[in-house]
Amino acid sequence: MLRLLIISVLVSIALSSEESEFDFSGIGRDEFEAHLREHGFSEEKIRQILPEQVEPNRSGKKKNRAPVPLKNICRFEECAPREKLDVSECGFKMSRFQNVNWVVTPVDPGNTRLGLLNAYSRLSDYLHGANERKAYLKRGAPAISTLGYNNKTGVITGIDLAIYLPYELNHTLPAPTNTNVFLEQWGEFAVYSRAFGEYGNSTSHSRSSFVKKQLKQLDQALKKANITNYVHDGLFLLAVYTPLGYTHGRQRYEVMRIIV
């Protein structure tokens, strides 16, 4: 609840300031690979960090892909423990995340594309040795962006980015060496969510519009079910279960409203 209070304040500040639209065009494999080289990563380490590329669909059609089921993704990725809760209504799911470890960093709301790239880079650096023990750490799924949405201007603003760390709560994780990276335990939290797939290639504008559409459809489904017990105030989450570098296949995104 303390985290919820803090991020609600951050969302209010971000939405009241001069806004820059959050960039949903994604972090391309080539771009991130070049970024790693600029930061001194060896070719061997880069191969460890980046997944094998998936052969794209060459039909040229930009169709919305259905989300990959969680059970299929979690066969290969270590997914954050998540309990499905019974809801009879259609258009959304209800679930509860368990109390686990997250590594978190802020996203500069005034720097759209580089803000996200730099945030991911800081978290990747932590997982690959930028910590007090210079240890390599496992990463899990999902990565969750905390976002603010201004209903008046239609602008989405980035607040922070977090990645699940698949370690027991009593496991002592090494402290980050970057002062903008933090280890957190969020406690249990429940969400209403709507899952969707994505385009293989699209502009930031089209992806942003698509995310807004999914959030609107989630809110409409909740309204139809007379559900109001979630955080409004412009705050929502975007969970990404797609490994970095995959622009085709193995995709799952979820817009989420936090239950209170």
C-alpha atoms as a PDB file:
ATOM      1  CA  MET A   1       0.000   0.000   0.000  1.00  0.00           C
ATOM      2  CA  LEU A   2       2.938   2.321   0.650  1.00  0.00           C
ATOM      3  CA  ARG A   3       4.194   1.794  -2.904  1.00  0.00           C
ATOM      4  CA  LEU A   4       0.679   2.463  -4.216  1.00  0.00           C
ATOM      5  CA  LEU A   5       0.562   5.754  -2.318  1.00  0.00           C
ATOM      6  CA  ILE A   6       3.992   6.813  -3.581  1.00  0.00           C
ATOM      7  CA  ILE A   7       3.328   6.003  -7.239  1.00  0.00           C
ATOM      8  CA  SER A   8      -0.085   7.692  -7.073  1.00  0.00           C
ATOM      9  CA  VAL A   9       1.687  10.873  -6.006  1.00  0.00           C
ATOM     10  CA  LEU A  10       4.274  10.423  -8.796  1.00  0.00           C
ATOM     11  CA  VAL A  11       1.504   9.941 -11.351  1.00  0.00           C
ATOM     12  CA  SER A  12      -0.215  13.122 -10.162  1.00  0.00           C
ATOM     13  CA  ILE A  13       3.042  15.079 -10.489  1.00  0.00           C
ATOM     14  CA  ALA A  14       3.824  13.632 -13.922  1.00  0.00           C
ATOM     15  CA  LEU A  15       0.345  14.309 -15.310  1.00  0.00           C
ATOM     16  CA  SER A  16       0.315  17.875 -13.993  1.00  0.00           C
ATOM     17  CA  SER A  17       3.647  18.731 -15.632  1.00  0.00           C
ATOM     18  CA  GLU A  18       4.463  19.296 -19.300  1.00  0.00           C
ATOM     19  CA  GLU A  19       3.799  15.897 -20.821  1.00  0.00           C
ATOM     20  CA  SER A  20       5.718  13.806 -23.326  1.00  0.00           C
ATOM     21  CA  GLU A  21       4.009  10.723 -24.714  1.00  0.00           C
ATOM     22  CA  PHE A  22       5.475   7.418 -23.524  1.00  0.00           C
ATOM     23  CA  ASP A  23       7.154   5.655 -26.449  1.00  0.00           C
ATOM     24  CA  PHE A  24       5.696   2.196 -27.132  1.00  0.00           C
ATOM     25  CA  SER A  25       7.672   1.521 -30.297  1.00  0.00           C
ATOM     26  CA  GLY A  26       9.762  -0.941 -28.317  1.00  0.00           C
ATOM     27  CA  ILE A  27      13.490  -1.414 -27.981  1.00  0.00           C
ATOM     28  CA  GLY A  28      14.832  -2.903 -31.196  1.00  0.00           C
ATOM     29  CA  ARG A  29      17.398  -5.644 -31.027  1.00  0.00           C
ATOM     30  CA  ASP A  30      19.938  -3.744 -33.167  1.00  0.00           C
ATOM     31  CA  GLU A  31      19.495  -0.584 -31.110  1.00  0.00           C
ATOM     32  CA  PHE A  32      19.923  -2.357 -27.794  1.00  0.00           C
ATOM     33  CA  GLU A  33      22.883  -4.384 -29.086  1.00  0.00           C
ATOM     34  CA  ALA A  34      24.630  -1.145 -30.119  1.00  0.00           C
ATOM     35  CA  HIS A  35      23.785   0.347 -26.727  1.00  0.00           C
ATOM     36  CA  LEU A  36      25.442  -2.610 -24.955  1.00  0.00           C
ATOM     37  CA  ARG A  37      28.581  -2.279 -27.069  1.00  0.00           C
ATOM     38  CA  GLU A  38      28.798   1.420 -26.234  1.00  0.00           C
ATOM     39  CA  HIS A  39      28.716   0.440 -22.550  1.00  0.00           C
ATOM     40  CA  GLY A  40      31.642  -1.968 -22.951  1.00  0.00           C
ATOM     41  CA  PHE A  41      29.835  -5.324 -23.028  1.00  0.00           C
ATOM     42  CA  SER A  42      31.795  -8.107 -24.735  1.00  0.00           C
ATOM     43  CA  GLU A  43      30.354 -10.091 -27.658  1.00  0.00           C
ATOM     44  CA  GLU A  44      29.972 -13.126 -25.379  1.00  0.00           C
ATOM     45  CA  LYS A  45      27.999 -11.142 -22.790  1.00  0.00           C
ATOM     46  CA  ILE A  46      25.807  -9.622 -25.500  1.00  0.00           C
ATOM     47  CA  ARG A  47      24.933 -13.131 -26.743  1.00  0.00           C
ATOM     48  CA  GLN A  48      24.003 -14.078 -23.191  1.00  0.00           C
ATOM     49  CA  ILE A  49      21.779 -11.041 -22.725  1.00  0.00           C
ATOM     50  CA  LEU A  50      19.938 -11.050 -26.049  1.00  0.00           C
ATOM     51  CA  PRO A  51      17.605 -13.895 -27.007  1.00  0.00           C
ATOM     52  CA  GLU A  52      17.825 -15.682 -30.309  1.00  0.00           C
ATOM     53  CA  GLN A  53      15.873 -13.739 -32.915  1.00  0.00           C
ATOM     54  CA  VAL A  54      12.632 -15.240 -34.157  1.00  0.00           C
ATOM     55  CA  GLU A  55      12.143 -15.473 -37.918  1.00  0.00           C
ATOM     56  CA  PRO A  56       9.546 -12.848 -38.852  1.00  0.00           C
ATOM     57  CA  ASN A  57       6.328 -13.432 -40.722  1.00  0.00           C
ATOM     58  CA  ARG A  58       7.127 -12.168 -44.219  1.00  0.00           C
ATOM     59  CA  SER A  59       3.520 -11.899 -45.376  1.00  0.00           C
ATOM     60  CA  GLY A  60       3.732  -8.127 -44.905  1.00  0.00           C
ATOM     61  CA  LYS A  61       0.423  -8.068 -43.045  1.00  0.00           C
ATOM     62  CA  LYS A  62       0.256  -6.070 -39.831  1.00  0.00           C
ATOM     63  CA  LYS A  63      -2.423  -7.912 -37.977  1.00  0.00           C
ATOM     64  CA  ASN A  64      -3.045  -7.949 -34.277  1.00  0.00           C
ATOM     65  CA  ARG A  65      -1.707 -11.188 -32.883  1.00  0.00           C
ATOM     66  CA  ALA A  66      -3.530 -13.024 -30.122  1.00  0.00           C
ATOM     67  CA  PRO A  67      -1.673 -13.045 -26.795  1.00  0.00           C
ATOM     68  CA  VAL A  68       0.374 -16.139 -26.091  1.00  0.00           C
ATOM     69  CA  PRO A  69      -1.127 -18.045 -23.101  1.00  0.00           C
ATOM     70  CA  LEU A  70       0.809 -17.544 -19.874  1.00  0.00           C
ATOM     71  CA  LYS A  71       1.332 -21.291 -19.428  1.00  0.00           C
ATOM     72  CA  ASN A  72       3.195 -21.420 -22.758  1.00  0.00           C
ATOM     73  CA  ILE A  73       5.482 -18.534 -21.825  1.00  0.00           C
ATOM     74  CA  CYS A  74       6.114 -19.774 -18.294  1.00  0.00           C
ATOM     75  CA  ARG A  75       7.361 -23.113 -19.623  1.00  0.00           C
ATOM     76  CA  PHE A  76      10.464 -21.223 -20.764  1.00  0.00           C
ATOM     77  CA  GLU A  77      10.518 -18.108 -18.574  1.00  0.00           C
ATOM     78  CA  GLU A  78      10.502 -17.942 -14.766  1.00  0.00           C
ATOM     79  CA  CYS A  79       7.233 -16.098 -14.220  1.00  0.00           C
ATOM     80  CA  ALA A  80       6.224 -14.177 -11.118  1.00  0.00           C
ATOM     81  CA  PRO A  81       3.848 -16.313  -8.970  1.00  0.00           C
ATOM     82  CA  ARG A  82       0.315 -15.247  -9.798  1.00  0.00           C
ATOM     83  CA  GLU A  83      -2.955 -16.665  -8.520  1.00  0.00           C
ATOM     84  CA  LYS A  84      -5.966 -16.601 -10.830  1.00  0.00           C
ATOM     85  CA  LEU A  85      -9.089 -15.391  -9.051  1.00  0.00           C
ATOM     86  CA  ASP A  86     -12.585 -16.368 -10.154  1.00  0.00           C
ATOM     87  CA  VAL A  87     -14.510 -13.747 -12.095  1.00  0.00           C
ATOM     88  CA  SER A  88     -17.542 -14.679 -14.150  1.00  0.00           C
ATOM     89  CA  GLU A  89     -17.539 -11.575 -16.374  1.00  0.00           C
ATOM     90  CA  CYS A  90     -15.919 -11.478 -19.815  1.00  0.00           C
ATOM     91  CA  GLY A  91     -13.492  -8.864 -21.093  1.00  0.00           C
ATOM     92  CA  PHE A  92     -11.054  -9.057 -18.197  1.00  0.00           C
ATOM     93  CA  LYS A  93      -9.317 -11.371 -15.734  1.00  0.00           C
ATOM     94  CA  MET A  94      -8.689 -11.006 -12.023  1.00  0.00           C
ATOM     95  CA  SER A  95      -5.481 -12.256 -10.419  1.00  0.00           C
ATOM     96  CA  ARG A  96      -3.184 -11.720  -7.463  1.00  0.00           C
ATOM     97  CA  PHE A  97       0.605 -11.382  -7.628  1.00  0.00           C
ATOM     98  CA  GLN A  98       2.463 -12.858  -4.668  1.00  0.00           C
ATOM     99  CA  ASN A  99       5.018 -10.970  -2.585  1.00  0.00           C
ATOM    100  CA  VAL A 100       8.257 -11.310  -4.589  1.00  0.00           C
ATOM    101  CA  ASN A 101      11.440  -9.430  -5.417  1.00  0.00           C
ATOM    102  CA  TRP A 102      11.545  -6.738  -8.097  1.00  0.00           C
ATOM    103  CA  VAL A 103      14.369  -4.594  -9.420  1.00  0.00           C
ATOM    104  CA  VAL A 104      13.029  -1.137 -10.243  1.00  0.00           C
ATOM    105  CA  THR A 105      14.231   2.065 -11.883  1.00  0.00           C
ATOM    106  CA  PRO A 106      12.463   5.331 -12.765  1.00  0.00           C
ATOM    107  CA  VAL A 107      11.637   6.313 -16.340  1.00  0.00           C
ATOM    108  CA  ASP A 108      12.429   9.909 -17.210  1.00  0.00           C
ATOM    109  CA  PRO A 109       8.984  11.277 -18.224  1.00  0.00           C
ATOM    110  CA  GLY A 110      10.601  14.044 -20.245  1.00  0.00           C
ATOM    111  CA  ASN A 111      12.631  11.645 -22.398  1.00  0.00           C
ATOM    112  CA  THR A 112      10.293   9.266 -24.184  1.00  0.00           C
ATOM    113  CA  ARG A 113      12.234   6.707 -26.211  1.00  0.00           C
ATOM    114  CA  LEU A 114      15.633   7.126 -24.551  1.00  0.00           C
ATOM    115  CA  GLY A 115      13.916   7.188 -21.154  1.00  0.00           C
ATOM    116  CA  LEU A 116      12.670   3.637 -21.668  1.00  0.00           C
ATOM    117  CA  LEU A 117      15.918   2.458 -23.259  1.00  0.00           C
ATOM    118  CA  ASN A 118      18.006   3.925 -20.438  1.00  0.00           C
ATOM    119  CA  ALA A 119      15.705   2.427 -17.807  1.00  0.00           C
ATOM    120  CA  TYR A 120      15.979  -1.037 -19.346  1.00  0.00           C
ATOM    121  CA  SER A 121      19.725  -0.610 -19.715  1.00  0.00           C
ATOM    122  CA  ARG A 122      20.105   0.208 -15.992  1.00  0.00           C
ATOM    123  CA  LEU A 123      18.147  -2.913 -15.026  1.00  0.00           C
ATOM    124  CA  SER A 124      20.102  -5.053 -17.482  1.00  0.00           C
ATOM    125  CA  ASP A 125      23.361  -3.654 -16.119  1.00  0.00           C
ATOM    126  CA  TYR A 126      22.296  -4.646 -12.594  1.00  0.00           C
ATOM    127  CA  LEU A 127      21.480  -8.194 -13.720  1.00  0.00           C
ATOM    128  CA  HIS A 128      24.834  -8.485 -15.491  1.00  0.00           C
ATOM    129  CA  GLY A 129      27.233  -7.342 -12.810  1.00  0.00           C
ATOM    130  CA  ALA A 130      26.466  -3.732 -11.854  1.00  0.00           C
ATOM    131  CA  ASN A 131      25.962  -4.713  -8.232  1.00  0.00           C
ATOM    132  CA  GLU A 132      28.085  -4.890  -5.105  1.00  0.00           C
ATOM    133  CA  ARG A 133      29.061  -8.534  -5.750  1.00  0.00           C
ATOM    134  CA  LYS A 134      29.508  -8.126  -9.515  1.00  0.00           C
ATOM    135  CA  ALA A 135      27.212 -11.128  -9.776  1.00  0.00           C
ATOM    136  CA  TYR A 136      25.167 -12.270 -12.750  1.00  0.00           C
ATOM    137  CA  LEU A 137      21.530 -12.657 -11.716  1.00  0.00           C
ATOM    138  CA  LYS A 138      18.551 -14.472 -13.204  1.00  0.00           C
ATOM    139  CA  ARG A 139      15.718 -12.381 -14.584  1.00  0.00           C
ATOM    140  CA  GLY A 140      12.121 -13.440 -14.681  1.00  0.00           C
ATOM    141  CA  ALA A 141       8.890 -12.292 -16.306  1.00  0.00           C
ATOM    142  CA  PRO A 142       7.114  -9.975 -16.530  1.00  0.00           C
ATOM    143  CA  ALA A 143       8.619  -6.545 -16.884  1.00  0.00           C
ATOM    144  CA  ILE A 144       6.049  -4.070 -15.561  1.00  0.00           C
ATOM    145  CA  SER A 145       5.825  -0.402 -16.496  1.00  0.00           C
ATOM    146  CA  THR A 146       3.939   1.876 -14.121  1.00  0.00           C
ATOM    147  CA  LEU A 147       2.190   4.462 -16.276  1.00  0.00           C
ATOM    148  CA  GLY A 148      -0.035   7.487 -15.951  1.00  0.00           C
ATOM    149  CA  TYR A 149      -2.856   8.315 -18.384  1.00  0.00           C
ATOM    150  CA  ASN A 150      -4.286  11.814 -18.705  1.00  0.00           C
ATOM    151  CA  ASN A 151      -7.931  11.479 -19.729  1.00  0.00           C
ATOM    152  CA  LYS A 152      -8.053  15.134 -20.831  1.00  0.00           C
ATOM    153  CA  THR A 153      -5.002  15.179 -23.110  1.00  0.00           C
ATOM    154  CA  GLY A 154      -4.849  11.471 -23.952  1.00  0.00           C
ATOM    155  CA  VAL A 155      -1.147  11.351 -23.107  1.00  0.00           C
ATOM    156  CA  ILE A 156       0.506   8.356 -21.412  1.00  0.00           C
ATOM    157  CA  THR A 157       3.476   9.153 -19.158  1.00  0.00           C
ATOM    158  CA  GLY A 158       6.099   6.687 -17.902  1.00  0.00           C
ATOM    159  CA  ILE A 159       6.771   6.473 -14.146  1.00  0.00           C
ATOM    160  CA  ASP A 160       9.003   3.450 -13.569  1.00  0.00           C
ATOM    161  CA  LEU A 161      10.048   0.064 -14.960  1.00  0.00           C
ATOM    162  CA  ALA A 162      10.387  -3.123 -12.909  1.00  0.00           C
ATOM    163  CA  ILE A 163      11.568  -6.663 -13.643  1.00  0.00           C
ATOM    164  CA  TYR A 164      10.692  -9.723 -11.554  1.00  0.00           C
ATOM    165  CA  LEU A 165      13.650 -11.403  -9.855  1.00  0.00           C
ATOM    166  CA  PRO A 166      13.041 -15.158  -9.368  1.00  0.00           C
ATOM    167  CA  TYR A 167      14.691 -15.504  -5.956  1.00  0.00           C
ATOM    168  CA  GLU A 168      13.275 -16.449  -2.563  1.00  0.00           C
ATOM    169  CA  LEU A 169      12.350 -13.510  -0.338  1.00  0.00           C
ATOM    170  CA  ASN A 170      14.967 -14.507   2.231  1.00  0.00           C
ATOM    171  CA  HIS A 171      17.687 -14.618  -0.446  1.00  0.00           C
ATOM    172  CA  THR A 172      20.126 -11.748   0.026  1.00  0.00           C
ATOM    173  CA  LEU A 173      20.352  -9.989  -3.305  1.00  0.00           C
ATOM    174  CA  PRO A 174      23.390  -7.773  -3.993  1.00  0.00           C
ATOM    175  CA  ALA A 175      22.750  -4.045  -3.759  1.00  0.00           C
ATOM    176  CA  PRO A 176      22.811  -2.111  -7.059  1.00  0.00           C
ATOM    177  CA  THR A 177      25.789   0.131  -7.694  1.00  0.00           C
ATOM    178  CA  ASN A 178      23.607   2.583  -9.647  1.00  0.00           C
ATOM    179  CA  THR A 179      21.760   4.919  -7.273  1.00  0.00           C
ATOM    180  CA  ASN A 180      18.776   4.972  -9.654  1.00  0.00           C
ATOM    181  CA  VAL A 181      18.210   1.220  -9.345  1.00  0.00           C
ATOM    182  CA  PHE A 182      16.318  -0.209  -6.366  1.00  0.00           C
ATOM    183  CA  LEU A 183      15.445  -3.614  -4.940  1.00  0.00           C
ATOM    184  CA  GLU A 184      11.834  -3.783  -3.757  1.00  0.00           C
ATOM    185  CA  GLN A 185       9.285  -6.206  -2.374  1.00  0.00           C
ATOM    186  CA  TRP A 186       5.836  -4.948  -3.313  1.00  0.00           C
ATOM    187  CA  GLY A 187       3.803  -7.283  -1.161  1.00  0.00           C
ATOM    188  CA  GLU A 188       0.761  -9.055  -2.588  1.00  0.00           C
ATOM    189  CA  PHE A 189      -1.332  -7.017  -4.986  1.00  0.00           C
ATOM    190  CA  ALA A 190      -4.364  -7.901  -7.073  1.00  0.00           C
ATOM    191  CA  VAL A 191      -5.232  -6.608 -10.532  1.00  0.00           C
ATOM    192  CA  TYR A 192      -7.915  -6.613 -13.161  1.00  0.00           C
ATOM    193  CA  SER A 193      -6.207  -7.229 -16.487  1.00  0.00           C
ATOM    194  CA  ARG A 194      -6.774  -7.509 -20.199  1.00  0.00           C
ATOM    195  CA  ALA A 195      -4.243  -9.396 -22.337  1.00  0.00           C
ATOM    196  CA  PHE A 196      -3.429  -8.655 -25.953  1.00  0.00           C
ATOM    197  CA  GLY A 197      -0.876  -9.373 -28.641  1.00  0.00           C
ATOM    198  CA  GLU A 198       0.975  -6.759 -30.663  1.00  0.00           C
ATOM    199  CA  TYR A 199       1.967  -5.848 -34.178  1.00  0.00           C
ATOM    200  CA  GLY A 200       5.274  -7.250 -35.394  1.00  0.00           C
ATOM    201  CA  ASN A 201       6.286  -3.810 -36.645  1.00  0.00           C
ATOM    202  CA  SER A 202       4.503  -0.557 -35.892  1.00  0.00           C
ATOM    203  CA  THR A 203       5.165   3.037 -35.024  1.00  0.00           C
ATOM    204  CA  SER A 204       5.192   4.384 -31.506  1.00  0.00           C
ATOM    205  CA  HIS A 205       1.981   6.299 -32.255  1.00  0.00           C
ATOM    206  CA  SER A 206       0.066   3.207 -33.412  1.00  0.00           C
ATOM    207  CA  ARG A 207       1.235   1.170 -30.423  1.00  0.00           C
ATOM    208  CA  SER A 208       0.324   3.972 -28.041  1.00  0.00           C
ATOM    209  CA  SER A 209      -3.144   4.169 -29.581  1.00  0.00           C
ATOM    210  CA  PHE A 210      -3.464   0.404 -29.320  1.00  0.00           C
ATOM    211  CA  VAL A 211      -2.537   0.396 -25.621  1.00  0.00           C
ATOM    212  CA  LYS A 212      -5.077   3.167 -24.972  1.00  0.00           C
ATOM    213  CA  LYS A 213      -7.705   1.148 -26.823  1.00  0.00           C
ATOM    214  CA  GLN A 214      -7.013  -1.912 -24.676  1.00  0.00           C
ATOM    215  CA  LEU A 215      -7.136   0.167 -21.480  1.00  0.00           C
ATOM    216  CA  LYS A 216     -10.450   1.684 -22.585  1.00  0.00           C
ATOM    217  CA  GLN A 217     -11.875  -1.765 -23.314  1.00  0.00           C
ATOM    218  CA  LEU A 218     -10.740  -2.981 -19.879  1.00  0.00           C
ATOM    219  CA  ASP A 219     -12.418  -0.003 -18.197  1.00  0.00           C
ATOM    220  CA  GLN A 220     -15.602  -0.547 -20.206  1.00  0.00           C
ATOM    221  CA  ALA A 221     -15.718  -4.215 -19.190  1.00  0.00           C
ATOM    222  CA  LEU A 222     -15.248  -3.272 -15.526  1.00  0.00           C
ATOM    223  CA  LYS A 223     -17.968  -0.626 -15.792  1.00  0.00           C
ATOM    224  CA  LYS A 224     -20.344  -3.112 -17.394  1.00  0.00           C
ATOM    225  CA  ALA A 225     -19.707  -5.468 -14.454  1.00  0.00           C
ATOM    226  CA  ASN A 226     -20.312  -2.584 -11.975  1.00  0.00           C
ATOM    227  CA  ILE A 227     -16.761  -2.907 -10.656  1.00  0.00           C
ATOM    228  CA  THR A 228     -15.220   0.247  -9.218  1.00  0.00           C
ATOM    229  CA  ASN A 229     -12.776  -1.035  -6.575  1.00  0.00           C
ATOM    230  CA  TYR A 230      -9.594  -0.176  -8.455  1.00  0.00           C
ATOM    231  CA  VAL A 231      -7.204   2.754  -8.580  1.00  0.00           C
ATOM    232  CA  HIS A 232      -8.423   5.424 -10.991  1.00  0.00           C
ATOM    233  CA  ASP A 233      -6.417   8.703 -10.902  1.00  0.00           C
ATOM    234  CA  GLY A 234      -4.706   7.944 -14.220  1.00  0.00           C
ATOM    235  CA  LEU A 235      -2.619   5.057 -12.842  1.00  0.00           C
ATOM    236  CA  PHE A 236      -2.291   1.747 -14.688  1.00  0.00           C
ATOM    237  CA  LEU A 237       0.282  -0.989 -15.297  1.00  0.00           C
ATOM    238  CA  LEU A 238       1.559  -2.549 -18.504  1.00  0.00           C
ATOM    239  CA  ALA A 239       2.992  -6.043 -18.020  1.00  0.00           C
ATOM    240  CA  VAL A 240       5.217  -7.371 -20.803  1.00  0.00           C
ATOM    241  CA  TYR A 241       5.936 -11.066 -21.152  1.00  0.00           C
ATOM    242  CA  THR A 242       7.834 -10.700 -24.440  1.00  0.00           C
ATOM    243  CA  PRO A 243      11.613 -11.144 -24.126  1.00  0.00           C
ATOM    244  CA  LEU A 244      13.718  -8.264 -25.399  1.00  0.00           C
ATOM    245  CA  GLY A 245      14.520  -8.619 -29.092  1.00  0.00           C
ATOM    246  CA  TYR A 246      11.422 -10.611 -29.998  1.00  0.00           C
ATOM    247  CA  THR A 247       9.288  -8.668 -32.451  1.00  0.00           C
ATOM    248  CA  HIS A 248       7.459 -11.743 -33.699  1.00  0.00           C
ATOM    249  CA  GLY A 249       5.948 -14.565 -31.682  1.00  0.00           C
ATOM    250  CA  ARG A 250       5.984 -15.326 -27.944  1.00  0.00           C
ATOM    251  CA  GLN A 251       4.155 -12.056 -27.293  1.00  0.00           C
ATOM    252  CA  ARG A 252       1.913 -11.211 -24.384  1.00  0.00           C
ATOM    253  CA  TYR A 253       1.063  -7.776 -23.056  1.00  0.00           C
ATOM    254  CA  GLU A 254      -1.435  -6.951 -20.320  1.00  0.00           C
ATOM    255  CA  VAL A 255      -2.960  -3.654 -19.268  1.00  0.00           C
ATOM    256  CA  MET A 256      -3.791  -3.745 -15.562  1.00  0.00           C
ATOM    257  CA  ARG A 257      -5.824  -1.813 -13.022  1.00  0.00           C
ATOM    258  CA  ILE A 258      -4.730  -2.231  -9.389  1.00  0.00           C
ATOM    259  CA  ILE A 259      -7.461  -3.452  -7.046  1.00  0.00           C
ATOM    260  CA  VAL A 260      -7.916  -1.584  -3.757  1.00  0.00           C
END
